Amino acid sequence: MGLNYKTREMIAVGVAIGAGCKPCFEWHYNQCLKFGATKAEMQEVFDLARKIAPSSGVYDVIRKIQ
């Protein structure tokens, strides 16, 4: 197997942010938590996504969970 489930879901969170898909973000964020992602790991995902997609409409959702 290649990537583990947690890593795959963390990538999916970044893709959802880039796509501006709030329902996708929420689903994959919860999957990350289910597979053991820490708040620090998720913060890294958010920080990287902000550099790549600085105008995503998902940031209001992120602010609520931080």
Protein backbone atom coordinates (compact mmCIF):
# COMPACT_ATOMS: atom_id res chain seq x y z
CA MET A 1 0.00 0.00 0.00
CA GLY A 2 1.17 3.53 -0.69
CA LEU A 3 -0.03 6.38 1.48
CA ASN A 4 -1.78 5.61 4.75
CA TYR A 5 -5.37 6.73 5.32
CA LYS A 6 -4.45 9.69 7.52
CA THR A 7 -2.03 11.07 4.94
CA ARG A 8 -4.54 10.57 2.13
CA GLU A 9 -7.21 12.44 4.08
CA MET A 10 -4.79 15.26 4.91
CA ILE A 11 -4.11 15.64 1.19
CA ALA A 12 -7.85 15.60 0.54
CA VAL A 13 -8.29 18.45 3.04
CA GLY A 14 -5.76 20.50 1.09
CA VAL A 15 -7.52 19.72 -2.18
CA ALA A 16 -10.90 20.65 -0.68
CA ILE A 17 -9.47 23.96 0.51
CA GLY A 18 -8.01 24.65 -2.92
CA ALA A 19 -11.33 23.79 -4.55
CA GLY A 20 -13.25 25.94 -2.08
CA CYS A 21 -15.57 23.02 -1.25
CA LYS A 22 -16.85 23.44 2.31
CA PRO A 23 -18.73 20.11 2.51
CA CYS A 24 -15.67 18.30 1.15
CA PHE A 25 -13.44 20.08 3.64
CA GLU A 26 -15.68 19.20 6.58
CA TRP A 27 -15.91 15.54 5.57
CA HIS A 28 -12.17 15.08 5.02
CA TYR A 29 -11.24 17.09 8.12
CA ASN A 30 -13.39 14.76 10.25
CA GLN A 31 -11.81 11.77 8.53
CA CYS A 32 -8.37 13.15 9.44
CA LEU A 33 -9.39 13.29 13.08
CA LYS A 34 -10.83 9.78 12.86
CA PHE A 35 -7.51 8.47 11.55
CA GLY A 36 -5.52 10.22 14.28
CA ALA A 37 -4.36 13.53 12.82
CA THR A 38 -3.31 15.99 15.50
CA LYS A 39 -4.24 19.66 15.65
CA ALA A 40 -0.60 20.51 14.91
CA GLU A 41 -0.64 18.34 11.77
CA MET A 42 -3.87 19.92 10.62
CA GLN A 43 -2.42 23.38 11.22
CA GLU A 44 0.43 22.46 8.87
CA VAL A 45 -2.12 21.47 6.22
CA PHE A 46 -4.01 24.76 6.69
CA ASP A 47 -0.82 26.83 6.54
CA LEU A 48 0.35 25.14 3.35
CA ALA A 49 -3.08 25.45 1.74
CA ARG A 50 -3.13 29.20 2.52
CA LYS A 51 0.13 29.59 0.63
CA ILE A 52 -1.22 27.73 -2.39
CA ALA A 53 -4.86 28.90 -2.40
CA PRO A 54 -4.90 32.19 -0.48
CA SER A 55 -8.44 33.15 -1.48
CA SER A 56 -10.31 29.91 -0.77
CA GLY A 57 -13.85 30.29 0.53
CA VAL A 58 -13.21 27.54 3.09
CA TYR A 59 -11.18 29.70 5.47
CA ASP A 60 -14.25 30.84 7.38
CA VAL A 61 -14.88 27.17 8.27
CA ILE A 62 -11.26 26.72 9.30
CA ARG A 63 -11.43 29.74 11.60
CA LYS A 64 -14.40 28.17 13.38
CA ILE A 65 -12.53 24.96 14.18
CA GLN A 66 -9.25 26.51 15.26
